[in-house]
C-alpha atoms as a PDB file:
ATOM      1  CA  UNK A   1      -9.077  56.485 -67.266  1.00  0.00           C
ATOM      2  CA  UNK A   2      -7.711  58.871 -69.913  1.00  0.00           C
ATOM      3  CA  UNK A   3      -8.483  62.643 -70.040  1.00  0.00           C
ATOM      4  CA  UNK A   4     -11.178  62.217 -72.511  1.00  0.00           C
ATOM      5  CA  UNK A   5     -13.283  60.020 -70.376  1.00  0.00           C
ATOM      6  CA  UNK A   6     -13.396  62.228 -67.246  1.00  0.00           C
ATOM      7  CA  UNK A   7     -13.538  65.925 -67.777  1.00  0.00           C
ATOM      8  CA  UNK A   8     -11.162  68.123 -65.616  1.00  0.00           C
ATOM      9  CA  UNK A   9     -13.376  69.979 -63.263  1.00  0.00           C
ATOM     10  CA  UNK A  10     -10.621  71.539 -61.094  1.00  0.00           C
ATOM     11  CA  UNK A  11     -10.633  74.953 -62.774  1.00  0.00           C
ATOM     12  CA  UNK A  12     -14.427  75.123 -62.722  1.00  0.00           C
ATOM     13  CA  UNK A  13     -14.511  74.300 -58.926  1.00  0.00           C
ATOM     14  CA  UNK A  14     -11.893  76.864 -58.231  1.00  0.00           C
ATOM     15  CA  UNK A  15     -13.659  79.590 -60.354  1.00  0.00           C
ATOM     16  CA  UNK A  16     -16.974  78.866 -58.666  1.00  0.00           C
ATOM     17  CA  UNK A  17     -15.448  78.836 -55.159  1.00  0.00           C
ATOM     18  CA  UNK A  18     -13.546  82.120 -55.671  1.00  0.00           C
ATOM     19  CA  UNK A  19     -16.658  83.734 -57.370  1.00  0.00           C
ATOM     20  CA  UNK A  20     -18.515  82.930 -54.075  1.00  0.00           C
ATOM     21  CA  UNK A  21     -15.464  84.171 -52.005  1.00  0.00           C
ATOM     22  CA  UNK A  22     -15.257  80.926 -50.131  1.00  0.00           C
ATOM     23  CA  UNK A  23     -12.167  79.266 -48.615  1.00  0.00           C
ATOM     24  CA  UNK A  24     -11.257  75.645 -49.263  1.00  0.00           C
ATOM     25  CA  UNK A  25     -11.920  75.121 -45.462  1.00  0.00           C
ATOM     26  CA  UNK A  26     -15.517  76.430 -45.779  1.00  0.00           C
ATOM     27  CA  UNK A  27     -16.143  74.284 -48.913  1.00  0.00           C
ATOM     28  CA  UNK A  28     -14.707  71.195 -46.999  1.00  0.00           C
ATOM     29  CA  UNK A  29     -16.932  71.869 -44.064  1.00  0.00           C
ATOM     30  CA  UNK A  30     -20.019  72.203 -46.335  1.00  0.00           C
ATOM     31  CA  UNK A  31     -19.172  69.105 -48.415  1.00  0.00           C
ATOM     32  CA  UNK A  32     -17.734  66.746 -45.847  1.00  0.00           C
ATOM     33  CA  UNK A  33     -14.526  66.282 -47.891  1.00  0.00           C
ATOM     34  CA  UNK A  34     -11.036  67.231 -46.715  1.00  0.00           C
ATOM     35  CA  UNK A  35      -9.169  70.374 -47.588  1.00  0.00           C
ATOM     36  CA  UNK A  36      -6.307  68.531 -49.023  1.00  0.00           C
ATOM     37  CA  UNK A  37      -8.500  66.531 -51.350  1.00  0.00           C
ATOM     38  CA  UNK A  38     -10.395  69.580 -52.572  1.00  0.00           C
ATOM     39  CA  UNK A  39      -6.957  71.296 -53.215  1.00  0.00           C
ATOM     40  CA  UNK A  40      -5.950  68.228 -55.222  1.00  0.00           C
ATOM     41  CA  UNK A  41      -9.183  68.544 -57.271  1.00  0.00           C
ATOM     42  CA  UNK A  42      -8.622  72.122 -57.915  1.00  0.00           C
ATOM     43  CA  UNK A  43      -5.059  71.584 -59.008  1.00  0.00           C
ATOM     44  CA  UNK A  44      -6.128  68.585 -61.317  1.00  0.00           C
ATOM     45  CA  UNK A  45      -4.141  66.103 -59.227  1.00  0.00           C
ATOM     46  CA  UNK A  46      -7.337  64.203 -58.191  1.00  0.00           C
ATOM     47  CA  UNK A  47     -10.608  63.641 -59.963  1.00  0.00           C
ATOM     48  CA  UNK A  48     -13.674  63.422 -57.905  1.00  0.00           C
ATOM     49  CA  UNK A  49     -16.147  60.501 -57.974  1.00  0.00           C
ATOM     50  CA  UNK A  50     -19.684  61.474 -59.104  1.00  0.00           C
ATOM     51  CA  UNK A  51     -20.881  61.485 -55.571  1.00  0.00           C
ATOM     52  CA  UNK A  52     -17.915  63.722 -54.501  1.00  0.00           C
ATOM     53  CA  UNK A  53     -18.639  66.051 -57.313  1.00  0.00           C
ATOM     54  CA  UNK A  54     -22.147  66.362 -56.173  1.00  0.00           C
ATOM     55  CA  UNK A  55     -21.011  67.175 -52.677  1.00  0.00           C
ATOM     56  CA  UNK A  56     -18.642  69.765 -53.849  1.00  0.00           C
ATOM     57  CA  UNK A  57     -21.482  71.183 -56.190  1.00  0.00           C
ATOM     58  CA  UNK A  58     -23.925  71.332 -53.252  1.00  0.00           C
ATOM     59  CA  UNK A  59     -21.403  73.154 -51.160  1.00  0.00           C
ATOM     60  CA  UNK A  60     -20.892  75.678 -53.934  1.00  0.00           C
ATOM     61  CA  UNK A  61     -24.628  76.124 -54.444  1.00  0.00           C
ATOM     62  CA  UNK A  62     -24.552  74.664 -58.016  1.00  0.00           C
ATOM     63  CA  UNK A  63     -24.865  71.278 -59.581  1.00  0.00           C
ATOM     64  CA  UNK A  64     -22.466  68.657 -60.812  1.00  0.00           C
ATOM     65  CA  UNK A  65     -23.763  69.119 -64.395  1.00  0.00           C
ATOM     66  CA  UNK A  66     -22.940  72.919 -64.170  1.00  0.00           C
ATOM     67  CA  UNK A  67     -19.323  72.134 -62.904  1.00  0.00           C
ATOM     68  CA  UNK A  68     -18.966  69.501 -65.570  1.00  0.00           C
ATOM     69  CA  UNK A  69     -20.313  71.921 -68.152  1.00  0.00           C
ATOM     70  CA  UNK A  70     -17.820  74.518 -67.125  1.00  0.00           C
ATOM     71  CA  UNK A  71     -14.875  72.202 -67.400  1.00  0.00           C
ATOM     72  CA  UNK A  72     -14.627  72.316 -71.165  1.00  0.00           C
ATOM     73  CA  UNK A  73     -14.230  75.408 -73.351  1.00  0.00           C
ATOM     74  CA  UNK A  74     -17.247  76.446 -75.310  1.00  0.00           C
ATOM     75  CA  UNK A  75     -17.409  75.084 -78.864  1.00  0.00           C
ATOM     76  CA  UNK A  76     -19.682  75.994 -81.807  1.00  0.00           C
ATOM     77  CA  UNK A  77     -19.830  72.474 -83.060  1.00  0.00           C
ATOM     78  CA  UNK A  78     -19.084  69.190 -81.193  1.00  0.00           C
ATOM     79  CA  UNK A  79     -19.831  65.627 -81.799  1.00  0.00           C
ATOM     80  CA  UNK A  80     -20.271  63.187 -78.925  1.00  0.00           C
ATOM     81  CA  UNK A  81     -19.992  59.698 -80.182  1.00  0.00           C
ATOM     82  CA  UNK A  82     -22.221  56.799 -79.003  1.00  0.00           C
ATOM     83  CA  UNK A  83     -19.259  54.947 -77.665  1.00  0.00           C
ATOM     84  CA  UNK A  84     -17.897  58.001 -75.679  1.00  0.00           C
ATOM     85  CA  UNK A  85     -17.445  56.684 -72.156  1.00  0.00           C
ATOM     86  CA  UNK A  86     -19.553  58.152 -69.312  1.00  0.00           C
ATOM     87  CA  UNK A  87     -18.783  58.818 -65.637  1.00  0.00           C
ATOM     88  CA  UNK A  88     -18.872  55.504 -63.644  1.00  0.00           C
ATOM     89  CA  UNK A  89     -17.435  56.561 -60.287  1.00  0.00           C
ATOM     90  CA  UNK A  90     -19.806  56.607 -57.338  1.00  0.00           C
ATOM     91  CA  UNK A  91     -22.655  55.158 -59.217  1.00  0.00           C
ATOM     92  CA  UNK A  92     -24.676  51.867 -58.527  1.00  0.00           C
ATOM     93  CA  UNK A  93     -23.249  48.886 -60.310  1.00  0.00           C
ATOM     94  CA  UNK A  94     -24.196  49.039 -63.965  1.00  0.00           C
ATOM     95  CA  UNK A  95     -25.141  52.640 -63.902  1.00  0.00           C
ATOM     96  CA  UNK A  96     -23.883  55.183 -66.431  1.00  0.00           C
ATOM     97  CA  UNK A  97     -24.220  58.926 -66.822  1.00  0.00           C
ATOM     98  CA  UNK A  98     -23.034  60.391 -70.152  1.00  0.00           C
ATOM     99  CA  UNK A  99     -22.900  63.957 -71.232  1.00  0.00           C
ATOM    100  CA  UNK A 100     -24.549  64.537 -74.545  1.00  0.00           C
ATOM    101  CA  UNK A 101     -23.486  68.193 -74.828  1.00  0.00           C
ATOM    102  CA  UNK A 102     -19.993  69.124 -73.638  1.00  0.00           C
ATOM    103  CA  UNK A 103     -18.896  72.505 -72.527  1.00  0.00           C
ATOM    104  CA  UNK A 104     -20.478  75.631 -71.099  1.00  0.00           C
ATOM    105  CA  UNK A 105     -23.685  76.066 -73.214  1.00  0.00           C
ATOM    106  CA  UNK A 106     -27.136  77.266 -72.864  1.00  0.00           C
ATOM    107  CA  UNK A 107     -28.448  73.667 -73.321  1.00  0.00           C
ATOM    108  CA  UNK A 108     -27.505  70.735 -71.116  1.00  0.00           C
ATOM    109  CA  UNK A 109     -28.198  67.087 -72.143  1.00  0.00           C
ATOM    110  CA  UNK A 110     -27.341  63.913 -70.262  1.00  0.00           C
ATOM    111  CA  UNK A 111     -28.197  60.246 -70.770  1.00  0.00           C
ATOM    112  CA  UNK A 112     -28.749  58.105 -67.672  1.00  0.00           C
ATOM    113  CA  UNK A 113     -28.606  54.349 -67.932  1.00  0.00           C
ATOM    114  CA  UNK A 114     -29.412  51.950 -65.197  1.00  0.00           C
ATOM    115  CA  UNK A 115     -30.131  52.491 -61.536  1.00  0.00           C
ATOM    116  CA  UNK A 116     -29.668  55.852 -59.921  1.00  0.00           C
ATOM    117  CA  UNK A 117     -30.215  57.447 -56.468  1.00  0.00           C
ATOM    118  CA  UNK A 118     -33.985  57.574 -56.485  1.00  0.00           C
ATOM    119  CA  UNK A 119     -34.000  59.367 -53.177  1.00  0.00           C
ATOM    120  CA  UNK A 120     -32.155  62.540 -54.578  1.00  0.00           C
ATOM    121  CA  UNK A 121     -34.473  65.394 -55.151  1.00  0.00           C
ATOM    122  CA  UNK A 122     -33.644  67.966 -57.915  1.00  0.00           C
ATOM    123  CA  UNK A 123     -34.785  71.396 -58.540  1.00  0.00           C
ATOM    124  CA  UNK A 124     -33.510  73.279 -61.489  1.00  0.00           C
ATOM    125  CA  UNK A 125     -33.789  76.960 -62.262  1.00  0.00           C
ATOM    126  CA  UNK A 126     -34.882  76.621 -65.796  1.00  0.00           C
ATOM    127  CA  UNK A 127     -37.175  74.229 -67.774  1.00  0.00           C
ATOM    128  CA  UNK A 128     -36.305  70.608 -68.280  1.00  0.00           C
ATOM    129  CA  UNK A 129     -37.483  67.565 -70.361  1.00  0.00           C
ATOM    130  CA  UNK A 130     -37.018  63.983 -69.441  1.00  0.00           C
ATOM    131  CA  UNK A 131     -37.306  61.520 -72.437  1.00  0.00           C
ATOM    132  CA  UNK A 132     -37.364  57.658 -71.765  1.00  0.00           C
ATOM    133  CA  UNK A 133     -35.268  56.250 -74.602  1.00  0.00           C
ATOM    134  CA  UNK A 134     -35.575  52.679 -73.342  1.00  0.00           C
ATOM    135  CA  UNK A 135     -37.239  50.937 -70.379  1.00  0.00           C
ATOM    136  CA  UNK A 136     -39.490  52.759 -67.864  1.00  0.00           C
ATOM    137  CA  UNK A 137     -39.330  55.249 -65.029  1.00  0.00           C
ATOM    138  CA  UNK A 138     -41.309  56.796 -62.305  1.00  0.00           C
ATOM    139  CA  UNK A 139     -41.065  60.564 -61.685  1.00  0.00           C
ATOM    140  CA  UNK A 140     -42.462  62.492 -58.627  1.00  0.00           C
ATOM    141  CA  UNK A 141     -43.016  66.078 -59.485  1.00  0.00           C
ATOM    142  CA  UNK A 142     -45.217  68.646 -57.582  1.00  0.00           C
ATOM    143  CA  UNK A 143     -46.864  66.023 -55.378  1.00  0.00           C
ATOM    144  CA  UNK A 144     -47.853  63.739 -58.325  1.00  0.00           C
ATOM    145  CA  UNK A 145     -46.365  60.550 -59.642  1.00  0.00           C
ATOM    146  CA  UNK A 146     -45.974  59.892 -63.307  1.00  0.00           C
ATOM    147  CA  UNK A 147     -45.090  56.491 -64.908  1.00  0.00           C
ATOM    148  CA  UNK A 148     -43.212  56.865 -68.146  1.00  0.00           C
ATOM    149  CA  UNK A 149     -42.482  54.198 -70.664  1.00  0.00           C
ATOM    150  CA  UNK A 150     -40.316  54.011 -73.766  1.00  0.00           C
ATOM    151  CA  UNK A 151     -40.775  57.143 -76.053  1.00  0.00           C
ATOM    152  CA  UNK A 152     -42.628  59.115 -73.236  1.00  0.00           C
ATOM    153  CA  UNK A 153     -41.449  62.573 -72.264  1.00  0.00           C
ATOM    154  CA  UNK A 154     -42.194  64.674 -69.204  1.00  0.00           C
ATOM    155  CA  UNK A 155     -41.765  68.518 -69.269  1.00  0.00           C
ATOM    156  CA  UNK A 156     -41.175  70.470 -66.178  1.00  0.00           C
ATOM    157  CA  UNK A 157     -40.864  74.260 -65.813  1.00  0.00           C
ATOM    158  CA  UNK A 158     -38.093  75.778 -63.898  1.00  0.00           C
ATOM    159  CA  UNK A 159     -38.323  75.571 -60.053  1.00  0.00           C
ATOM    160  CA  UNK A 160     -40.305  72.260 -59.882  1.00  0.00           C
ATOM    161  CA  UNK A 161     -38.930  69.873 -57.274  1.00  0.00           C
ATOM    162  CA  UNK A 162     -38.700  66.298 -58.622  1.00  0.00           C
ATOM    163  CA  UNK A 163     -37.050  62.960 -58.310  1.00  0.00           C
ATOM    164  CA  UNK A 164     -37.063  60.027 -60.661  1.00  0.00           C
ATOM    165  CA  UNK A 165     -36.093  56.363 -60.679  1.00  0.00           C
ATOM    166  CA  UNK A 166     -35.724  53.653 -63.306  1.00  0.00           C
ATOM    167  CA  UNK A 167     -38.292  50.869 -62.935  1.00  0.00           C
ATOM    168  CA  UNK A 168     -36.818  48.347 -65.468  1.00  0.00           C
ATOM    169  CA  UNK A 169     -33.144  47.179 -65.965  1.00  0.00           C
ATOM    170  CA  UNK A 170     -31.137  49.027 -68.466  1.00  0.00           C
ATOM    171  CA  UNK A 171     -33.596  51.999 -68.629  1.00  0.00           C
ATOM    172  CA  UNK A 172     -32.201  54.917 -70.478  1.00  0.00           C
ATOM    173  CA  UNK A 173     -33.311  58.456 -69.637  1.00  0.00           C
ATOM    174  CA  UNK A 174     -32.344  61.536 -71.700  1.00  0.00           C
ATOM    175  CA  UNK A 175     -32.655  64.754 -69.755  1.00  0.00           C
ATOM    176  CA  UNK A 176     -32.400  68.059 -71.713  1.00  0.00           C
ATOM    177  CA  UNK A 177     -32.519  71.350 -69.856  1.00  0.00           C
ATOM    178  CA  UNK A 178     -31.814  75.029 -70.246  1.00  0.00           C
ATOM    179  CA  UNK A 179     -28.554  75.594 -68.177  1.00  0.00           C
ATOM    180  CA  UNK A 180     -28.950  77.093 -64.772  1.00  0.00           C
ATOM    181  CA  UNK A 181     -26.660  79.941 -65.585  1.00  0.00           C
ATOM    182  CA  UNK A 182     -29.192  81.292 -68.209  1.00  0.00           C
ATOM    183  CA  UNK A 183     -31.777  83.702 -67.060  1.00  0.00           C
ATOM    184  CA  UNK A 184     -34.832  82.540 -69.031  1.00  0.00           C
ATOM    185  CA  UNK A 185     -37.261  85.459 -69.573  1.00  0.00           C
ATOM    186  CA  UNK A 186     -40.955  84.991 -69.887  1.00  0.00           C
ATOM    187  CA  UNK A 187     -42.560  86.882 -72.741  1.00  0.00           C
ATOM    188  CA  UNK A 188     -45.426  88.866 -71.145  1.00  0.00           C
ATOM    189  CA  UNK A 189     -47.156  90.160 -74.345  1.00  0.00           C
END
């Protein structure tokens, strides 16, 4: 893979670890990954799979999306082409995750295609929107199940625990969210 296909997350991992005042050994223990591997990731000598990046993110009390967003410098204008490659590592066969917004911004957007870990539960600090571009999906949120088809959207306020899964082959879900590092303030007028 070339550099454009897989963002370099090492500096973002190191910054986050140091901000939390954690050693590599603590992150290794929390993530189940080895100290040498984590050192290689931080020094850009190894690139973690999607699953390993999720483990590192969990150990650092953040998300893989946040680490990926912090990997690129902020830009005022950026085009992500339809043929830009996604992250393939650690995903079920045929699955694809593609960032639609690169860099460290207030808005995050990702496109998920194919099967994903339906058992993984998410909870984001800020609001989130799921849009079914193709196919169909089931979402469990706040104790209720929702079936979504092509063109449907589901909006969740920050803090809602949820999980989702594709129910048809080649389903494409676009997730748009306010970044977790943003303090969304409610207008109480």
